[in-house]
């Protein structure tokens, strides 16, 4: 994954690459702090949480840890983000997950449609149509 950021202070790029087995490099350098992360999470993005949700294929009542390579929006710095998902009872065709990111003292319910697209990510995105 090549990430490019344009800001008032100029252009910044970072090359974050994962091997699919939980090992990562950033700009060609090993990132052992990300060992075991299978997903990338872009700060303030409602899309990237769908990656572990789909990969885990949890049934209602099941939960899983899903540490991620977390990319900060402003400076493209990368850090490990511990996070967990617990699938809670569906609301009709809407799949719901109790999401927790302890580093940010953040917890919410993520809601996805039957296609796996986010409907509601409190504080970040709500689909209106």
Foldseek 3Di string as FASTA:
>chain_A
DKDWAQDPVGIDIWDWDDPQQQWIDIPNHTDVQRRPARFEAEPLDPPRVLVVVVVVVDDAQDKDKHWHFYAYRPHRDTGIWIKMWHWHDADVQKTWIFIDTVVVRDTDIWIAGNVSHTQDDPPRDHDDD
